[in-house]
């Protein structure tokens, strides 16, 4: 079986990367941008950093900000209507996963109007046309949506998140500029950073992993493990390294899938509006313990990438524990809660477990699971 790998056409990395937006837009002869960014980024002036670049070079744009932290079907539908009226011919997504996921859904629907019912995009939709071209400017070091073929939209009416997978939605250009991330508060930096670590670890042990994806994931784990604490403290080196680490993780997991950490996190976001990174960070060590028996020697390499010394002299049981302990320690150091006691209501566990089992990420888990197994995992965290 052939292994497909899909990546950005172009990406820019490093401080000042957003200055390249104008050259890319002019080189592609784009006329007007439809800028997707959330209200907080606009309020605090982060979006303006990109708008200033556009204005300086006389590039036209229109801003769309009807985007929630867990974007909804309504956010997408309103965005499609606004795009049609705008006269734009490309999208610029500025923000975390919420802005980029909204832009991806809008871009796909505009060029594939037969999928105007957003629900029809869930899973692997048989779209025929590439999305409207997207320029992606991440403001968080976590989701890597700027380099992935995935997006997640919330079906608020049914309290569930829809995972959509489509290689036609990948942004054509990513501008990964750590200066765009410097105003992130500590809590958001920690949560999105642990989301990136979850991507790297789940992508490394997922059922679809292979040598090319392993290369990206192990390097991402190494970068994130050494830089997340610094990023939370807002050091320039920490920010720059995390911007790269989360992107490298995205290059891998986008192509091989994830597992039940994400499956379990998605319903928490849909039902309780729990920040995705926080949910992943809390769940990750518990699911690593659950999956350990199905991972061969991979936890040794995770432990090594996390900075654990002496792994080659450890037994399998020792290096598996060392890997999990290193993840727990990093999560604790950056201020992530240790459990779901303040989030999950016991009476909701049957719904959460079924939702997680039905989630598109679940089949990628390295260990076969069941609704009952997932319910027990939730219960162990409250």
Protein backbone atom coordinates (compact mmCIF):
# COMPACT_ATOMS: atom_id res chain seq x y z
CA UNK A 1 0.00 0.00 0.00
CA UNK A 2 1.29 3.47 -0.91
CA UNK A 3 1.61 6.06 1.88
CA UNK A 4 0.39 9.53 0.89
CA UNK A 5 2.05 12.63 2.33
CA UNK A 6 0.49 16.09 1.87
CA UNK A 7 2.28 19.30 2.92
CA UNK A 8 2.03 23.04 2.33
CA UNK A 9 3.02 24.35 -1.05
CA UNK A 10 5.07 27.07 0.71
CA UNK A 11 5.84 28.09 4.28
CA UNK A 12 7.79 30.91 5.91
CA UNK A 13 9.32 30.56 9.37
CA UNK A 14 10.83 33.01 11.83
CA UNK A 15 10.35 36.51 13.17
CA UNK A 16 8.92 38.81 10.52
CA UNK A 17 7.54 36.02 8.35
CA UNK A 18 4.24 37.91 7.90
CA UNK A 19 6.10 40.53 5.86
CA UNK A 20 6.13 37.98 3.03
CA UNK A 21 2.33 37.99 2.72
CA UNK A 22 2.25 40.89 0.25
CA UNK A 23 4.79 39.35 -2.10
CA UNK A 24 2.93 36.04 -2.11
CA UNK A 25 -0.43 37.72 -2.74
CA UNK A 26 0.91 39.91 -5.54
CA UNK A 27 2.86 37.05 -7.08
CA UNK A 28 -0.31 35.01 -7.28
CA UNK A 29 -2.23 38.02 -8.65
CA UNK A 30 -4.79 37.91 -5.83
CA UNK A 31 -7.06 40.96 -5.69
CA UNK A 32 -8.83 40.94 -2.31
CA UNK A 33 -8.43 38.97 0.91
CA UNK A 34 -11.24 37.64 3.09
CA UNK A 35 -9.58 37.77 6.50
CA UNK A 36 -10.84 35.28 9.11
CA UNK A 37 -9.86 36.18 12.66
CA UNK A 38 -11.55 35.90 16.03
CA UNK A 39 -12.87 38.91 18.01
CA UNK A 40 -10.24 38.74 20.76
CA UNK A 41 -7.34 38.87 18.32
CA UNK A 42 -8.91 41.90 16.71
CA UNK A 43 -9.60 43.52 20.09
CA UNK A 44 -6.01 43.11 21.28
CA UNK A 45 -4.42 44.28 18.04
CA UNK A 46 -2.91 40.97 16.93
CA UNK A 47 -4.89 40.84 13.69
CA UNK A 48 -3.80 44.39 12.91
CA UNK A 49 -0.19 43.24 12.53
CA UNK A 50 -1.24 41.47 9.33
CA UNK A 51 -3.72 44.15 8.25
CA UNK A 52 -0.92 46.73 8.53
CA UNK A 53 1.15 44.67 6.09
CA UNK A 54 -1.75 44.56 3.64
CA UNK A 55 -2.45 48.27 3.93
CA UNK A 56 1.20 49.23 3.55
CA UNK A 57 1.26 47.50 0.19
CA UNK A 58 -2.18 48.65 -0.94
CA UNK A 59 -3.82 45.22 -0.78
CA UNK A 60 -7.58 45.09 -0.35
CA UNK A 61 -9.25 43.03 2.37
CA UNK A 62 -12.43 42.43 4.33
CA UNK A 63 -12.47 41.09 7.90
CA UNK A 64 -14.78 38.32 9.10
CA UNK A 65 -14.79 37.75 12.87
CA UNK A 66 -17.96 35.76 13.63
CA UNK A 67 -15.81 32.92 14.95
CA UNK A 68 -16.15 31.17 18.31
CA UNK A 69 -13.30 29.36 20.13
CA UNK A 70 -14.93 26.09 19.03
CA UNK A 71 -16.31 27.28 15.66
CA UNK A 72 -19.85 26.23 14.86
CA UNK A 73 -21.82 25.33 11.77
CA UNK A 74 -23.43 28.78 12.01
CA UNK A 75 -20.02 30.47 12.02
CA UNK A 76 -19.16 28.67 8.78
CA UNK A 77 -22.51 29.36 7.09
CA UNK A 78 -22.35 33.05 7.94
CA UNK A 79 -18.79 33.13 6.68
CA UNK A 80 -19.77 31.55 3.36
CA UNK A 81 -22.47 34.19 2.88
CA UNK A 82 -20.07 37.01 3.79
CA UNK A 83 -17.38 35.67 1.44
CA UNK A 84 -19.81 35.56 -1.48
CA UNK A 85 -20.70 39.22 -0.94
CA UNK A 86 -17.12 40.37 -0.38
CA UNK A 87 -15.68 40.00 -3.87
CA UNK A 88 -12.62 38.31 -2.35
CA UNK A 89 -10.55 35.74 -4.23
CA UNK A 90 -8.45 34.31 -1.37
CA UNK A 91 -8.59 33.82 2.39
CA UNK A 92 -6.20 34.85 5.12
CA UNK A 93 -6.75 32.94 8.38
CA UNK A 94 -5.23 34.66 11.41
CA UNK A 95 -5.45 32.88 14.74
CA UNK A 96 -5.43 29.45 16.27
CA UNK A 97 -7.29 26.40 15.05
CA UNK A 98 -10.64 28.17 15.31
CA UNK A 99 -9.90 30.80 12.67
CA UNK A 100 -8.09 28.38 10.39
CA UNK A 101 -10.74 25.67 10.68
CA UNK A 102 -13.45 28.20 9.86
CA UNK A 103 -11.48 29.43 6.84
CA UNK A 104 -10.94 25.87 5.61
CA UNK A 105 -14.66 25.08 5.77
CA UNK A 106 -15.56 28.34 4.04
CA UNK A 107 -12.97 27.79 1.32
CA UNK A 108 -14.10 24.24 0.64
CA UNK A 109 -17.80 25.14 0.47
CA UNK A 110 -17.23 28.12 -1.82
CA UNK A 111 -15.55 25.91 -4.41
CA UNK A 112 -17.71 22.83 -3.69
CA UNK A 113 -21.22 24.30 -3.27
CA UNK A 114 -22.75 20.83 -3.24
CA UNK A 115 -21.38 20.62 0.33
CA UNK A 116 -23.17 23.75 1.55
CA UNK A 117 -24.68 21.61 4.30
CA UNK A 118 -21.69 21.76 6.64
CA UNK A 119 -22.58 18.40 8.19
CA UNK A 120 -21.90 16.77 4.83
CA UNK A 121 -18.19 17.62 5.23
CA UNK A 122 -17.74 15.37 8.26
CA UNK A 123 -15.24 12.56 7.89
CA UNK A 124 -13.58 12.23 4.48
CA UNK A 125 -15.91 14.15 2.17
CA UNK A 126 -15.68 13.41 -1.58
CA UNK A 127 -15.05 17.02 -2.61
CA UNK A 128 -13.86 17.57 -6.17
CA UNK A 129 -12.30 21.07 -6.13
CA UNK A 130 -9.52 22.58 -4.08
CA UNK A 131 -10.44 25.17 -1.48
CA UNK A 132 -10.28 28.85 -2.20
CA UNK A 133 -6.54 29.61 -1.68
CA UNK A 134 -5.76 30.11 2.02
CA UNK A 135 -2.87 32.00 3.60
CA UNK A 136 -2.55 30.80 7.21
CA UNK A 137 -1.01 32.89 9.99
CA UNK A 138 -0.99 31.00 13.30
CA UNK A 139 -1.11 32.99 16.54
CA UNK A 140 -0.85 29.93 18.79
CA UNK A 141 1.84 27.26 18.88
CA UNK A 142 -0.35 24.21 19.01
CA UNK A 143 -2.94 23.22 16.42
CA UNK A 144 -0.66 23.28 13.33
CA UNK A 145 -3.84 23.83 11.30
CA UNK A 146 -1.70 25.81 8.86
CA UNK A 147 -0.08 22.58 7.64
CA UNK A 148 -2.81 19.97 8.19
CA UNK A 149 -5.60 18.56 6.05
CA UNK A 150 -7.97 18.47 9.01
CA UNK A 151 -10.48 20.87 10.49
CA UNK A 152 -13.02 20.57 13.28
CA UNK A 153 -16.46 22.22 13.36
CA UNK A 154 -18.89 22.05 16.28
CA UNK A 155 -22.44 20.83 15.73
CA UNK A 156 -23.85 22.83 18.65
CA UNK A 157 -27.36 21.43 18.27
CA UNK A 158 -26.09 17.92 18.98
CA UNK A 159 -23.20 18.76 21.36
CA UNK A 160 -20.57 17.17 19.15
CA UNK A 161 -17.50 18.08 17.15
CA UNK A 162 -17.23 17.04 13.53
CA UNK A 163 -13.74 16.07 12.37
CA UNK A 164 -13.33 16.80 8.66
CA UNK A 165 -10.40 15.43 6.65
CA UNK A 166 -9.74 16.77 3.16
CA UNK A 167 -6.37 17.22 1.40
CA UNK A 168 -8.01 19.91 -0.72
CA UNK A 169 -8.32 22.23 2.29
CA UNK A 170 -4.63 22.62 3.15
CA UNK A 171 -3.46 26.27 3.11
CA UNK A 172 -1.29 27.10 0.13
CA UNK A 173 1.06 29.27 2.21
CA UNK A 174 1.81 29.28 5.94
CA UNK A 175 3.47 32.22 7.69
CA UNK A 176 4.77 30.85 11.00
CA UNK A 177 5.88 34.01 12.77
CA UNK A 178 6.69 33.78 16.50
CA UNK A 179 6.08 37.54 16.81
CA UNK A 180 2.40 36.77 16.17
CA UNK A 181 2.43 34.50 19.23
CA UNK A 182 4.22 36.77 21.70
CA UNK A 183 1.02 38.21 23.20
CA UNK A 184 -0.48 34.82 24.07
CA UNK A 185 -1.19 34.54 27.82
CA UNK A 186 0.61 31.84 29.79
CA UNK A 187 -2.43 29.60 30.12
CA UNK A 188 -3.12 29.57 26.39
CA UNK A 189 0.55 29.03 25.59
CA UNK A 190 0.63 26.03 27.93
CA UNK A 191 -2.59 24.53 26.60
CA UNK A 192 -1.74 24.90 22.93
CA UNK A 193 1.78 23.65 23.56
CA UNK A 194 0.48 20.50 25.21
CA UNK A 195 -1.90 20.09 22.28
CA UNK A 196 1.15 20.10 20.00
CA UNK A 197 2.88 17.52 22.19
CA UNK A 198 -0.25 15.37 22.04
CA UNK A 199 -0.20 15.60 18.24
CA UNK A 200 3.42 14.47 18.18
CA UNK A 201 3.00 11.56 20.61
CA UNK A 202 -0.31 10.31 19.22
CA UNK A 203 1.00 10.67 15.67
CA UNK A 204 4.11 8.68 16.58
CA UNK A 205 2.20 5.73 18.02
CA UNK A 206 -0.89 5.80 15.82
CA UNK A 207 -1.73 2.75 13.73
CA UNK A 208 -0.86 4.56 10.49
CA UNK A 209 2.62 5.74 11.57
CA UNK A 210 5.63 4.93 9.37
CA UNK A 211 9.24 6.03 9.04
CA UNK A 212 8.64 9.38 7.36
CA UNK A 213 6.00 10.44 9.90
CA UNK A 214 8.11 9.08 12.78
CA UNK A 215 10.92 11.43 11.76
CA UNK A 216 8.68 14.47 12.13
CA UNK A 217 7.04 13.33 15.35
CA UNK A 218 10.22 12.48 17.24
CA UNK A 219 11.79 15.80 16.28
CA UNK A 220 8.62 17.62 17.32
CA UNK A 221 8.60 15.91 20.72
CA UNK A 222 12.23 16.92 21.23
CA UNK A 223 11.63 20.56 20.28
CA UNK A 224 8.45 20.91 22.34
CA UNK A 225 9.94 19.22 25.42
CA UNK A 226 12.86 21.63 25.48
CA UNK A 227 10.97 24.81 24.57
CA UNK A 228 7.46 24.80 26.04
CA UNK A 229 8.52 25.95 29.50
CA UNK A 230 10.42 28.84 27.92
CA UNK A 231 7.48 29.73 25.70
CA UNK A 232 5.19 29.86 28.73
CA UNK A 233 7.71 32.26 30.30
CA UNK A 234 7.57 34.24 27.02
CA UNK A 235 11.25 33.92 26.15
CA UNK A 236 12.01 34.71 22.48
CA UNK A 237 13.82 31.40 21.98
CA UNK A 238 10.99 29.45 23.60
CA UNK A 239 8.41 31.14 21.37
CA UNK A 240 10.42 30.58 18.20
CA UNK A 241 11.14 26.94 18.97
CA UNK A 242 7.53 26.19 19.88
CA UNK A 243 6.34 27.80 16.65
CA UNK A 244 8.57 25.35 14.78
CA UNK A 245 7.86 22.33 16.99
CA UNK A 246 4.10 22.51 16.63
CA UNK A 247 4.45 22.91 12.84
CA UNK A 248 6.72 19.88 12.56
CA UNK A 249 4.20 17.84 14.56
CA UNK A 250 1.47 18.94 12.15
CA UNK A 251 3.51 17.80 9.16
CA UNK A 252 3.38 14.31 10.63
CA UNK A 253 -0.01 13.74 12.24
CA UNK A 254 -1.95 15.35 9.40
CA UNK A 255 -0.82 12.45 7.24
CA UNK A 256 -1.14 9.48 9.60
CA UNK A 257 -3.89 10.33 12.08
CA UNK A 258 -4.20 10.48 15.85
CA UNK A 259 -5.91 8.39 18.53
CA UNK A 260 -8.29 8.37 21.47
CA UNK A 261 -6.73 11.27 23.35
CA UNK A 262 -8.23 13.50 20.68
CA UNK A 263 -11.37 11.36 20.50
CA UNK A 264 -11.92 11.93 24.21
CA UNK A 265 -11.02 15.63 24.08
CA UNK A 266 -13.42 16.53 21.29
CA UNK A 267 -16.64 15.79 23.22
CA UNK A 268 -15.36 17.85 26.17
CA UNK A 269 -15.03 20.84 23.88
CA UNK A 270 -18.47 20.29 22.38
CA UNK A 271 -20.34 19.69 25.66
CA UNK A 272 -18.46 21.91 28.13
CA UNK A 273 -16.52 24.24 25.81
CA UNK A 274 -13.31 22.94 27.40
CA UNK A 275 -10.20 24.38 25.70
CA UNK A 276 -8.94 21.66 23.37
CA UNK A 277 -5.33 21.82 24.54
CA UNK A 278 -6.29 21.56 28.20
CA UNK A 279 -8.46 18.51 27.52
CA UNK A 280 -5.67 16.81 25.54
CA UNK A 281 -3.05 17.58 28.19
CA UNK A 282 -5.13 16.12 31.02
CA UNK A 283 -6.07 12.98 29.10
CA UNK A 284 -2.69 12.26 27.43
CA UNK A 285 -0.79 10.52 30.30
CA UNK A 286 -3.76 8.30 31.18
CA UNK A 287 -4.22 7.18 27.58
CA UNK A 288 -0.46 6.64 27.23
CA UNK A 289 -0.68 4.19 30.14
CA UNK A 290 -3.65 2.49 28.49
CA UNK A 291 -1.89 2.22 25.09
CA UNK A 292 1.56 1.22 26.37
CA UNK A 293 1.22 -2.51 25.68
CA UNK A 294 0.50 -1.82 22.00
CA UNK A 295 3.49 0.44 21.30
CA UNK A 296 6.47 -1.89 21.17
CA UNK A 297 9.67 0.06 21.88
CA UNK A 298 8.29 3.45 20.91
CA UNK A 299 8.00 4.79 24.45
CA UNK A 300 11.77 4.45 24.79
CA UNK A 301 12.18 6.90 21.93
CA UNK A 302 9.51 9.19 23.37
CA UNK A 303 11.37 9.19 26.71
CA UNK A 304 14.64 9.95 24.91
CA UNK A 305 13.05 12.83 22.95
CA UNK A 306 11.55 14.17 26.18
CA UNK A 307 15.09 14.46 27.57
CA UNK A 308 15.13 11.39 29.83
CA UNK A 309 18.66 10.08 30.31
CA UNK A 310 19.80 6.47 30.44
CA UNK A 311 16.87 5.02 28.51
CA UNK A 312 19.00 2.37 26.79
CA UNK A 313 19.72 0.69 30.12
CA UNK A 314 16.06 0.67 31.17
CA UNK A 315 13.67 -2.25 30.97
CA UNK A 316 10.56 -1.90 28.84
CA UNK A 317 8.46 -1.23 31.92
CA UNK A 318 10.93 1.41 33.11
CA UNK A 319 11.18 3.37 29.89
CA UNK A 320 7.42 3.30 29.39
CA UNK A 321 6.96 4.73 32.86
CA UNK A 322 9.74 7.26 32.23
CA UNK A 323 8.03 8.53 29.07
CA UNK A 324 4.68 8.94 30.82
CA UNK A 325 6.28 10.58 33.86
CA UNK A 326 8.13 13.07 31.63
CA UNK A 327 4.86 14.08 29.98
CA UNK A 328 3.17 14.46 33.38
CA UNK A 329 6.05 16.57 34.67
CA UNK A 330 5.96 18.94 31.69
CA UNK A 331 2.20 19.30 31.96
CA UNK A 332 2.47 20.06 35.68
CA UNK A 333 5.32 22.53 35.14
CA UNK A 334 3.25 24.61 32.73
CA UNK A 335 0.20 24.64 34.98
CA UNK A 336 -2.19 22.13 33.43
CA UNK A 337 -4.74 20.57 35.85
CA UNK A 338 -4.09 16.93 36.74
CA UNK A 339 -7.63 15.62 36.23
CA UNK A 340 -11.12 16.29 34.87
CA UNK A 341 -12.85 16.67 38.25
CA UNK A 342 -13.72 20.31 37.61
CA UNK A 343 -14.92 19.60 34.07
CA UNK A 344 -16.76 16.28 33.66
CA UNK A 345 -20.09 15.40 35.24
CA UNK A 346 -20.33 11.70 35.99
CA UNK A 347 -23.82 11.43 34.51
CA UNK A 348 -22.43 12.64 31.15
CA UNK A 349 -19.85 9.86 30.83
CA UNK A 350 -22.04 7.50 28.74
CA UNK A 351 -22.64 10.29 26.21
CA UNK A 352 -18.98 11.33 26.23
CA UNK A 353 -17.75 7.76 25.79
CA UNK A 354 -20.07 7.05 22.87
CA UNK A 355 -19.13 10.37 21.24
CA UNK A 356 -15.43 9.59 21.64
CA UNK A 357 -15.87 6.11 20.20
CA UNK A 358 -17.69 7.55 17.18
CA UNK A 359 -15.01 10.23 16.65
CA UNK A 360 -12.95 10.09 13.46
CA UNK A 361 -9.66 9.96 15.41
CA UNK A 362 -10.52 6.78 17.33
CA UNK A 363 -9.66 4.22 14.59
CA UNK A 364 -6.07 5.48 14.57
CA UNK A 365 -5.47 4.43 18.17
CA UNK A 366 -2.75 1.75 18.40
CA UNK A 367 -4.84 -0.37 20.76
CA UNK A 368 -8.33 -1.63 19.98
CA UNK A 369 -10.84 0.00 22.27
CA UNK A 370 -14.53 0.03 23.13
CA UNK A 371 -17.14 2.42 24.49
CA UNK A 372 -16.76 0.73 27.87
CA UNK A 373 -12.95 1.16 27.83
CA UNK A 374 -13.29 4.84 27.06
CA UNK A 375 -15.91 5.28 29.79
CA UNK A 376 -13.48 3.75 32.29
CA UNK A 377 -10.75 6.13 31.16
CA UNK A 378 -13.01 9.14 31.73
CA UNK A 379 -14.02 7.75 35.14
CA UNK A 380 -10.38 7.35 36.16
CA UNK A 381 -9.88 11.09 35.64
CA UNK A 382 -12.71 12.38 37.82
